[in-house]
Amino acid sequence: MVGVAKEYPNAAIDIHIPPNPFVPASIEENGQYFKQIGESLGLEVRLSHEFFSVPGLIRWLAGHHLNAFFFEYCNMRGISSSIDQGVAARRPIAINECFMFRHVGGRLGWYPHKSIRQSYEENGPIVEEIFKEWSQENFDNCYSSIVDKIIGK
């Protein structure tokens, strides 16, 4: 939040913490903690806790200027699929240096090496490229190619 406050004083930040078994304290306690930090920096912090359907989450993400996916560093975990919904929303994305974003980090850049403003200004076209690459048509073509190789076509 400090990066946002430095680059965009008085910005509004939406923080979404859906019900899940991984948040150590209650959802409301975590939300209030983030809200206090943001407000102390002059930011408006809006909290949401509902469980979205995938289309609902994509709509929610599409309503933002920038979507930031900042995870605690967790080495040797799998690839995070949360970024998929961010790409589907077709808005600029900021990510922190987390092993779970290794499949897009080289292209999007890592916060704080790439600032919030840089992510906003530069990552829209990159997200659009990724969106096209990850399309259903490209997936189908890739899958068909793999099957063709297996069966010897």
N, C-alpha and C. Protein backbone atom coordinates (compact mmCIF):
# COMPACT_ATOMS: atom_id res chain seq x y z
N MET A 1 0.81 -1.20 0.00
CA MET A 1 0.00 0.00 0.00
C MET A 1 0.85 1.25 0.00
N VAL A 2 2.05 1.14 0.55
CA VAL A 2 2.93 2.31 0.58
C VAL A 2 3.26 2.74 -0.85
N GLY A 3 3.51 1.78 -1.74
CA GLY A 3 3.80 2.10 -3.13
C GLY A 3 2.66 2.82 -3.79
N VAL A 4 1.44 2.40 -3.53
CA VAL A 4 0.26 3.06 -4.10
C VAL A 4 0.17 4.47 -3.55
N ALA A 5 0.32 4.61 -2.25
CA ALA A 5 0.19 5.93 -1.63
C ALA A 5 1.24 6.91 -2.17
N LYS A 6 2.46 6.43 -2.42
CA LYS A 6 3.51 7.30 -2.95
C LYS A 6 3.18 7.75 -4.38
N GLU A 7 2.68 6.83 -5.18
CA GLU A 7 2.45 7.14 -6.59
C GLU A 7 1.07 7.70 -6.88
N TYR A 8 0.10 7.34 -6.05
CA TYR A 8 -1.28 7.77 -6.25
C TYR A 8 -1.89 8.20 -4.92
N PRO A 9 -1.50 9.37 -4.40
CA PRO A 9 -2.10 9.83 -3.14
C PRO A 9 -3.63 9.90 -3.27
N ASN A 10 -4.32 9.55 -2.22
CA ASN A 10 -5.78 9.57 -2.17
C ASN A 10 -6.44 8.52 -3.06
N ALA A 11 -5.70 7.51 -3.47
CA ALA A 11 -6.28 6.44 -4.30
C ALA A 11 -7.25 5.60 -3.48
N ALA A 12 -8.09 4.89 -4.18
CA ALA A 12 -8.99 3.91 -3.54
C ALA A 12 -8.46 2.52 -3.87
N ILE A 13 -8.42 1.69 -2.86
CA ILE A 13 -7.96 0.30 -3.02
C ILE A 13 -9.09 -0.62 -2.60
N ASP A 14 -9.42 -1.57 -3.45
CA ASP A 14 -10.38 -2.61 -3.10
C ASP A 14 -9.59 -3.85 -2.70
N ILE A 15 -9.85 -4.36 -1.52
CA ILE A 15 -9.20 -5.59 -1.05
C ILE A 15 -10.27 -6.65 -0.91
N HIS A 16 -10.03 -7.75 -1.59
CA HIS A 16 -10.99 -8.85 -1.57
C HIS A 16 -10.37 -10.03 -0.84
N ILE A 17 -10.96 -10.41 0.26
CA ILE A 17 -10.51 -11.57 1.04
C ILE A 17 -11.71 -12.51 1.16
N PRO A 18 -11.83 -13.47 0.24
CA PRO A 18 -12.98 -14.37 0.30
C PRO A 18 -12.83 -15.37 1.44
N PRO A 19 -13.93 -15.98 1.83
CA PRO A 19 -13.84 -17.02 2.85
C PRO A 19 -12.88 -18.12 2.39
N ASN A 20 -11.95 -18.51 3.27
CA ASN A 20 -10.99 -19.56 2.92
C ASN A 20 -10.34 -20.09 4.17
N PRO A 21 -9.75 -21.28 4.09
CA PRO A 21 -9.12 -21.87 5.28
C PRO A 21 -7.68 -21.42 5.50
N PHE A 22 -7.13 -20.54 4.65
CA PHE A 22 -5.72 -20.20 4.71
C PHE A 22 -5.42 -18.91 5.46
N VAL A 23 -6.42 -18.07 5.66
CA VAL A 23 -6.20 -16.81 6.36
C VAL A 23 -6.17 -17.11 7.85
N PRO A 24 -5.06 -16.75 8.54
CA PRO A 24 -4.90 -17.18 9.93
C PRO A 24 -5.91 -16.59 10.91
N ALA A 25 -6.30 -15.35 10.75
CA ALA A 25 -7.28 -14.75 11.65
C ALA A 25 -8.61 -14.66 10.90
N SER A 26 -9.59 -14.09 11.53
CA SER A 26 -10.87 -13.98 10.86
C SER A 26 -10.74 -13.03 9.67
N ILE A 27 -11.57 -13.23 8.69
CA ILE A 27 -11.56 -12.40 7.49
C ILE A 27 -11.75 -10.94 7.87
N GLU A 28 -12.68 -10.67 8.74
CA GLU A 28 -12.96 -9.28 9.13
C GLU A 28 -11.76 -8.65 9.83
N GLU A 29 -11.10 -9.40 10.70
CA GLU A 29 -9.91 -8.86 11.39
C GLU A 29 -8.82 -8.52 10.39
N ASN A 30 -8.57 -9.40 9.44
CA ASN A 30 -7.56 -9.13 8.41
C ASN A 30 -7.95 -7.92 7.59
N GLY A 31 -9.18 -7.82 7.21
CA GLY A 31 -9.65 -6.69 6.42
C GLY A 31 -9.47 -5.38 7.17
N GLN A 32 -9.83 -5.37 8.43
CA GLN A 32 -9.70 -4.15 9.23
C GLN A 32 -8.23 -3.75 9.40
N TYR A 33 -7.36 -4.73 9.52
CA TYR A 33 -5.93 -4.47 9.62
C TYR A 33 -5.45 -3.73 8.37
N PHE A 34 -5.81 -4.24 7.19
CA PHE A 34 -5.42 -3.60 5.94
C PHE A 34 -6.07 -2.22 5.79
N LYS A 35 -7.30 -2.12 6.23
CA LYS A 35 -8.01 -0.84 6.14
C LYS A 35 -7.32 0.21 6.99
N GLN A 36 -6.90 -0.14 8.20
CA GLN A 36 -6.21 0.82 9.07
C GLN A 36 -4.89 1.28 8.45
N ILE A 37 -4.15 0.35 7.87
CA ILE A 37 -2.88 0.72 7.24
C ILE A 37 -3.14 1.67 6.08
N GLY A 38 -4.07 1.32 5.20
CA GLY A 38 -4.37 2.15 4.05
C GLY A 38 -4.84 3.53 4.43
N GLU A 39 -5.75 3.59 5.38
CA GLU A 39 -6.28 4.90 5.80
C GLU A 39 -5.20 5.75 6.45
N SER A 40 -4.25 5.12 7.15
CA SER A 40 -3.16 5.90 7.75
C SER A 40 -2.26 6.51 6.67
N LEU A 41 -2.31 5.95 5.47
CA LEU A 41 -1.52 6.47 4.34
C LEU A 41 -2.34 7.42 3.46
N GLY A 42 -3.58 7.69 3.86
CA GLY A 42 -4.43 8.58 3.09
C GLY A 42 -5.21 7.91 1.97
N LEU A 43 -5.26 6.59 2.00
CA LEU A 43 -5.97 5.84 0.96
C LEU A 43 -7.37 5.47 1.43
N GLU A 44 -8.27 5.38 0.48
CA GLU A 44 -9.60 4.82 0.78
C GLU A 44 -9.50 3.31 0.56
N VAL A 45 -9.85 2.54 1.56
CA VAL A 45 -9.78 1.08 1.45
C VAL A 45 -11.18 0.52 1.55
N ARG A 46 -11.57 -0.21 0.51
CA ARG A 46 -12.89 -0.85 0.47
C ARG A 46 -12.68 -2.36 0.55
N LEU A 47 -13.40 -2.98 1.47
CA LEU A 47 -13.25 -4.41 1.71
C LEU A 47 -14.43 -5.18 1.13
N SER A 48 -14.15 -6.35 0.61
CA SER A 48 -15.22 -7.27 0.22
C SER A 48 -14.81 -8.67 0.64
N HIS A 49 -15.81 -9.46 0.98
CA HIS A 49 -15.55 -10.80 1.51
C HIS A 49 -16.40 -11.88 0.85
N GLU A 50 -17.20 -11.50 -0.13
CA GLU A 50 -18.10 -12.50 -0.71
C GLU A 50 -17.34 -13.51 -1.54
N PHE A 51 -17.94 -14.66 -1.70
CA PHE A 51 -17.38 -15.68 -2.57
C PHE A 51 -17.96 -15.47 -3.96
N PHE A 52 -17.11 -15.08 -4.91
CA PHE A 52 -17.56 -14.82 -6.27
C PHE A 52 -17.56 -16.10 -7.09
N SER A 53 -18.49 -16.19 -8.02
CA SER A 53 -18.37 -17.19 -9.09
C SER A 53 -17.21 -16.72 -9.96
N VAL A 54 -16.69 -17.59 -10.82
CA VAL A 54 -15.59 -17.16 -11.70
C VAL A 54 -16.02 -15.99 -12.57
N PRO A 55 -17.20 -16.04 -13.24
CA PRO A 55 -17.60 -14.87 -14.02
C PRO A 55 -17.78 -13.61 -13.15
N GLY A 56 -18.27 -13.78 -11.94
CA GLY A 56 -18.45 -12.65 -11.03
C GLY A 56 -17.11 -12.04 -10.63
N LEU A 57 -16.12 -12.88 -10.37
CA LEU A 57 -14.79 -12.40 -10.02
C LEU A 57 -14.17 -11.64 -11.19
N ILE A 58 -14.31 -12.18 -12.39
CA ILE A 58 -13.76 -11.50 -13.57
C ILE A 58 -14.42 -10.14 -13.76
N ARG A 59 -15.73 -10.07 -13.58
CA ARG A 59 -16.43 -8.77 -13.68
C ARG A 59 -15.90 -7.79 -12.63
N TRP A 60 -15.72 -8.28 -11.40
CA TRP A 60 -15.22 -7.43 -10.32
C TRP A 60 -13.82 -6.92 -10.66
N LEU A 61 -12.94 -7.79 -11.13
CA LEU A 61 -11.58 -7.39 -11.51
C LEU A 61 -11.58 -6.42 -12.69
N ALA A 62 -12.49 -6.62 -13.63
CA ALA A 62 -12.55 -5.75 -14.81
C ALA A 62 -12.96 -4.33 -14.45
N GLY A 63 -13.53 -4.13 -13.28
CA GLY A 63 -13.95 -2.81 -12.84
C GLY A 63 -12.83 -1.98 -12.22
N HIS A 64 -11.60 -2.47 -12.25
CA HIS A 64 -10.48 -1.77 -11.63
C HIS A 64 -9.50 -1.25 -12.68
N HIS A 65 -8.78 -0.21 -12.32
CA HIS A 65 -7.74 0.32 -13.20
C HIS A 65 -6.55 -0.63 -13.27
N LEU A 66 -6.23 -1.27 -12.15
CA LEU A 66 -5.09 -2.16 -12.02
C LEU A 66 -5.45 -3.23 -11.01
N ASN A 67 -5.08 -4.46 -11.28
CA ASN A 67 -5.28 -5.54 -10.31
C ASN A 67 -3.91 -6.00 -9.85
N ALA A 68 -3.71 -6.01 -8.54
CA ALA A 68 -2.44 -6.42 -7.95
C ALA A 68 -2.62 -7.77 -7.27
N PHE A 69 -1.71 -8.67 -7.57
CA PHE A 69 -1.69 -9.99 -6.95
C PHE A 69 -0.39 -10.10 -6.18
N PHE A 70 -0.47 -9.83 -4.88
CA PHE A 70 0.71 -9.87 -4.03
C PHE A 70 0.55 -11.02 -3.05
N PHE A 71 1.37 -12.03 -3.22
CA PHE A 71 1.34 -13.21 -2.36
C PHE A 71 2.58 -13.21 -1.48
N GLU A 72 2.43 -13.82 -0.33
CA GLU A 72 3.59 -14.06 0.52
C GLU A 72 4.53 -14.95 -0.28
N TYR A 73 5.83 -14.70 -0.18
CA TYR A 73 6.78 -15.51 -0.93
C TYR A 73 6.66 -16.96 -0.46
N CYS A 74 6.43 -17.82 -1.41
CA CYS A 74 6.28 -19.25 -1.09
C CYS A 74 7.03 -20.05 -2.15
N ASN A 75 8.28 -20.31 -1.85
CA ASN A 75 9.13 -21.05 -2.77
C ASN A 75 8.64 -22.49 -2.93
N MET A 76 8.77 -22.96 -4.14
CA MET A 76 8.48 -24.36 -4.49
C MET A 76 7.01 -24.73 -4.42
N ARG A 77 6.14 -23.77 -4.52
CA ARG A 77 4.71 -24.07 -4.66
C ARG A 77 4.38 -24.10 -6.13
N GLY A 78 3.20 -24.56 -6.45
CA GLY A 78 2.77 -24.62 -7.84
C GLY A 78 2.48 -23.24 -8.41
N ILE A 79 2.05 -23.22 -9.64
CA ILE A 79 1.71 -21.97 -10.31
C ILE A 79 0.34 -21.52 -9.83
N SER A 80 0.22 -20.23 -9.53
CA SER A 80 -1.05 -19.69 -9.05
C SER A 80 -2.01 -19.48 -10.21
N SER A 81 -3.21 -20.00 -10.07
CA SER A 81 -4.23 -19.80 -11.11
C SER A 81 -5.03 -18.52 -10.89
N SER A 82 -4.80 -17.83 -9.77
CA SER A 82 -5.55 -16.59 -9.54
C SER A 82 -5.25 -15.57 -10.62
N ILE A 83 -4.07 -15.64 -11.18
CA ILE A 83 -3.69 -14.70 -12.23
C ILE A 83 -4.55 -14.91 -13.48
N ASP A 84 -5.08 -16.12 -13.67
CA ASP A 84 -5.94 -16.40 -14.84
C ASP A 84 -7.14 -15.46 -14.88
N GLN A 85 -7.78 -15.26 -13.74
CA GLN A 85 -8.94 -14.37 -13.70
C GLN A 85 -8.51 -12.93 -13.94
N GLY A 86 -7.33 -12.56 -13.47
CA GLY A 86 -6.81 -11.22 -13.73
C GLY A 86 -6.57 -11.00 -15.22
N VAL A 87 -6.02 -12.00 -15.88
CA VAL A 87 -5.81 -11.91 -17.33
C VAL A 87 -7.16 -11.85 -18.04
N ALA A 88 -8.11 -12.68 -17.62
CA ALA A 88 -9.44 -12.69 -18.25
C ALA A 88 -10.15 -11.35 -18.11
N ALA A 89 -9.83 -10.59 -17.05
CA ALA A 89 -10.44 -9.28 -16.85
C ALA A 89 -9.86 -8.23 -17.80
N ARG A 90 -8.70 -8.53 -18.38
CA ARG A 90 -8.08 -7.70 -19.40
C ARG A 90 -7.76 -6.28 -18.90
N ARG A 91 -7.28 -6.21 -17.67
CA ARG A 91 -6.84 -4.96 -17.07
C ARG A 91 -5.36 -5.12 -16.71
N PRO A 92 -4.60 -4.04 -16.60
CA PRO A 92 -3.19 -4.16 -16.20
C PRO A 92 -3.06 -4.89 -14.86
N ILE A 93 -1.97 -5.61 -14.73
CA ILE A 93 -1.72 -6.42 -13.54
C ILE A 93 -0.35 -6.06 -12.96
N ALA A 94 -0.29 -6.03 -11.63
CA ALA A 94 0.97 -5.92 -10.90
C ALA A 94 1.11 -7.18 -10.06
N ILE A 95 2.32 -7.73 -10.02
CA ILE A 95 2.58 -8.92 -9.20
C ILE A 95 3.86 -8.70 -8.41
N ASN A 96 3.93 -9.34 -7.26
CA ASN A 96 5.18 -9.30 -6.51
C ASN A 96 6.01 -10.52 -6.89
N GLU A 97 7.26 -10.51 -6.44
CA GLU A 97 8.17 -11.59 -6.80
C GLU A 97 7.85 -12.82 -5.96
N CYS A 98 7.01 -13.64 -6.49
CA CYS A 98 6.57 -14.87 -5.83
C CYS A 98 6.73 -16.01 -6.82
N PHE A 99 7.28 -17.09 -6.37
CA PHE A 99 7.54 -18.26 -7.21
C PHE A 99 6.28 -18.72 -7.95
N MET A 100 5.11 -18.49 -7.36
CA MET A 100 3.86 -18.95 -7.96
C MET A 100 3.47 -18.13 -9.19
N PHE A 101 4.16 -17.00 -9.44
CA PHE A 101 3.91 -16.19 -10.63
C PHE A 101 5.05 -16.30 -11.65
N ARG A 102 5.86 -17.33 -11.53
CA ARG A 102 7.03 -17.46 -12.40
C ARG A 102 6.66 -17.57 -13.87
N HIS A 103 5.44 -18.02 -14.17
CA HIS A 103 5.03 -18.18 -15.56
C HIS A 103 4.68 -16.86 -16.24
N VAL A 104 4.52 -15.78 -15.48
CA VAL A 104 4.21 -14.47 -16.07
C VAL A 104 5.16 -13.37 -15.59
N GLY A 105 5.95 -13.64 -14.58
CA GLY A 105 6.81 -12.61 -13.99
C GLY A 105 7.82 -12.02 -14.94
N GLY A 106 8.37 -12.84 -15.81
CA GLY A 106 9.35 -12.33 -16.77
C GLY A 106 8.75 -11.33 -17.74
N ARG A 107 7.47 -11.41 -17.95
CA ARG A 107 6.81 -10.50 -18.87
C ARG A 107 6.19 -9.30 -18.17
N LEU A 108 5.56 -9.53 -17.02
CA LEU A 108 4.88 -8.44 -16.31
C LEU A 108 5.84 -7.62 -15.46
N GLY A 109 6.91 -8.22 -15.01
CA GLY A 109 7.82 -7.55 -14.09
C GLY A 109 7.34 -7.70 -12.66
N TRP A 110 8.27 -7.59 -11.74
CA TRP A 110 7.98 -7.83 -10.33
C TRP A 110 7.95 -6.51 -9.56
N TYR A 111 6.92 -6.34 -8.74
CA TYR A 111 6.91 -5.23 -7.79
C TYR A 111 7.84 -5.62 -6.66
N PRO A 112 8.70 -4.78 -6.16
CA PRO A 112 8.82 -3.34 -6.37
C PRO A 112 9.81 -2.95 -7.47
N HIS A 113 10.42 -3.92 -8.17
CA HIS A 113 11.35 -3.57 -9.25
C HIS A 113 10.63 -2.82 -10.36
N LYS A 114 9.38 -3.14 -10.54
CA LYS A 114 8.51 -2.41 -11.47
C LYS A 114 7.44 -1.76 -10.60
N SER A 115 7.35 -0.46 -10.64
CA SER A 115 6.46 0.27 -9.73
C SER A 115 4.98 0.04 -10.08
N ILE A 116 4.12 0.45 -9.18
CA ILE A 116 2.68 0.38 -9.43
C ILE A 116 2.33 1.19 -10.68
N ARG A 117 2.87 2.39 -10.77
CA ARG A 117 2.60 3.25 -11.93
C ARG A 117 3.10 2.60 -13.22
N GLN A 118 4.31 2.05 -13.20
CA GLN A 118 4.83 1.37 -14.39
C GLN A 118 3.95 0.18 -14.78
N SER A 119 3.50 -0.58 -13.79
CA SER A 119 2.63 -1.72 -14.07
C SER A 119 1.33 -1.25 -14.72
N TYR A 120 0.78 -0.16 -14.19
CA TYR A 120 -0.45 0.39 -14.76
C TYR A 120 -0.23 0.87 -16.19
N GLU A 121 0.85 1.58 -16.40
CA GLU A 121 1.09 2.19 -17.71
C GLU A 121 1.58 1.20 -18.76
N GLU A 122 2.29 0.15 -18.35
CA GLU A 122 2.94 -0.74 -19.31
C GLU A 122 2.31 -2.13 -19.46
N ASN A 123 1.59 -2.59 -18.45
CA ASN A 123 1.18 -4.00 -18.47
C ASN A 123 -0.13 -4.30 -19.17
N GLY A 124 -0.91 -3.28 -19.52
CA GLY A 124 -2.16 -3.54 -20.25
C GLY A 124 -1.94 -4.31 -21.55
N PRO A 125 -1.04 -3.83 -22.43
CA PRO A 125 -0.79 -4.58 -23.67
C PRO A 125 -0.20 -5.97 -23.43
N ILE A 126 0.61 -6.11 -22.39
CA ILE A 126 1.19 -7.42 -22.07
C ILE A 126 0.09 -8.38 -21.63
N VAL A 127 -0.83 -7.90 -20.80
CA VAL A 127 -1.96 -8.74 -20.37
C VAL A 127 -2.79 -9.14 -21.58
N GLU A 128 -2.98 -8.23 -22.50
CA GLU A 128 -3.76 -8.54 -23.71
C GLU A 128 -3.07 -9.62 -24.54
N GLU A 129 -1.74 -9.57 -24.65
CA GLU A 129 -1.00 -10.62 -25.35
C GLU A 129 -1.18 -11.97 -24.67
N ILE A 130 -1.06 -11.98 -23.35
CA ILE A 130 -1.23 -13.22 -22.59
C ILE A 130 -2.66 -13.75 -22.77
N PHE A 131 -3.65 -12.85 -22.73
CA PHE A 131 -5.04 -13.24 -22.93
C PHE A 131 -5.21 -13.97 -24.26
N LYS A 132 -4.63 -13.44 -25.31
CA LYS A 132 -4.74 -14.08 -26.63
C LYS A 132 -4.01 -15.41 -26.66
N GLU A 133 -2.82 -15.46 -26.04
CA GLU A 133 -2.05 -16.71 -26.01
C GLU A 133 -2.78 -17.81 -25.24
N TRP A 134 -3.48 -17.43 -24.18
CA TRP A 134 -4.17 -18.40 -23.35
C TRP A 134 -5.61 -18.64 -23.81
N SER A 135 -5.95 -18.27 -25.01
CA SER A 135 -7.33 -18.40 -25.50
C SER A 135 -7.73 -19.87 -25.65
N GLN A 136 -9.02 -20.09 -25.68
CA GLN A 136 -9.54 -21.44 -25.87
C GLN A 136 -9.05 -22.03 -27.19
N GLU A 137 -9.03 -21.22 -28.23
CA GLU A 137 -8.59 -21.68 -29.54
C GLU A 137 -7.13 -22.14 -29.50
N ASN A 138 -6.26 -21.34 -28.88
CA ASN A 138 -4.86 -21.74 -28.77
C ASN A 138 -4.69 -22.98 -27.91
N PHE A 139 -5.44 -23.08 -26.84
CA PHE A 139 -5.41 -24.28 -26.00
C PHE A 139 -5.81 -25.50 -26.82
N ASP A 140 -6.92 -25.39 -27.54
CA ASP A 140 -7.40 -26.51 -28.37
C ASP A 140 -6.36 -26.92 -29.40
N ASN A 141 -5.73 -25.94 -30.06
CA ASN A 141 -4.71 -26.25 -31.06
C ASN A 141 -3.51 -26.94 -30.44
N CYS A 142 -3.08 -26.46 -29.30
CA CYS A 142 -1.94 -27.06 -28.61
C CYS A 142 -2.27 -28.48 -28.17
N TYR A 143 -3.44 -28.67 -27.61
CA TYR A 143 -3.87 -29.99 -27.16
C TYR A 143 -3.94 -30.96 -28.34
N SER A 144 -4.53 -30.50 -29.45
CA SER A 144 -4.64 -31.35 -30.65
C SER A 144 -3.26 -31.73 -31.17
N SER A 145 -2.33 -30.79 -31.13
CA SER A 145 -0.97 -31.06 -31.58
C SER A 145 -0.31 -32.13 -30.71
N ILE A 146 -0.51 -32.05 -29.41
CA ILE A 146 0.05 -33.05 -28.50
C ILE A 146 -0.54 -34.42 -28.79
N VAL A 147 -1.85 -34.47 -28.94
CA VAL A 147 -2.52 -35.75 -29.24
C VAL A 147 -2.03 -36.30 -30.57
N ASP A 148 -1.91 -35.44 -31.57
CA ASP A 148 -1.40 -35.88 -32.88
C ASP A 148 -0.01 -36.48 -32.77
N LYS A 149 0.86 -35.86 -31.97
CA LYS A 149 2.20 -36.40 -31.79
C LYS A 149 2.18 -37.75 -31.09
N ILE A 150 1.27 -37.90 -30.13
CA ILE A 150 1.19 -39.16 -29.38
C ILE A 150 0.71 -40.30 -30.27
N ILE A 151 -0.28 -40.01 -31.10
CA ILE A 151 -0.83 -41.09 -31.94
C ILE A 151 -0.12 -41.20 -33.29
N GLY A 152 0.90 -40.36 -33.49
CA GLY A 152 1.75 -40.49 -34.67
C GLY A 152 1.20 -39.88 -35.94
N LYS A 153 0.38 -38.87 -35.85
CA LYS A 153 -0.11 -38.20 -37.07
C LYS A 153 0.92 -37.29 -37.65
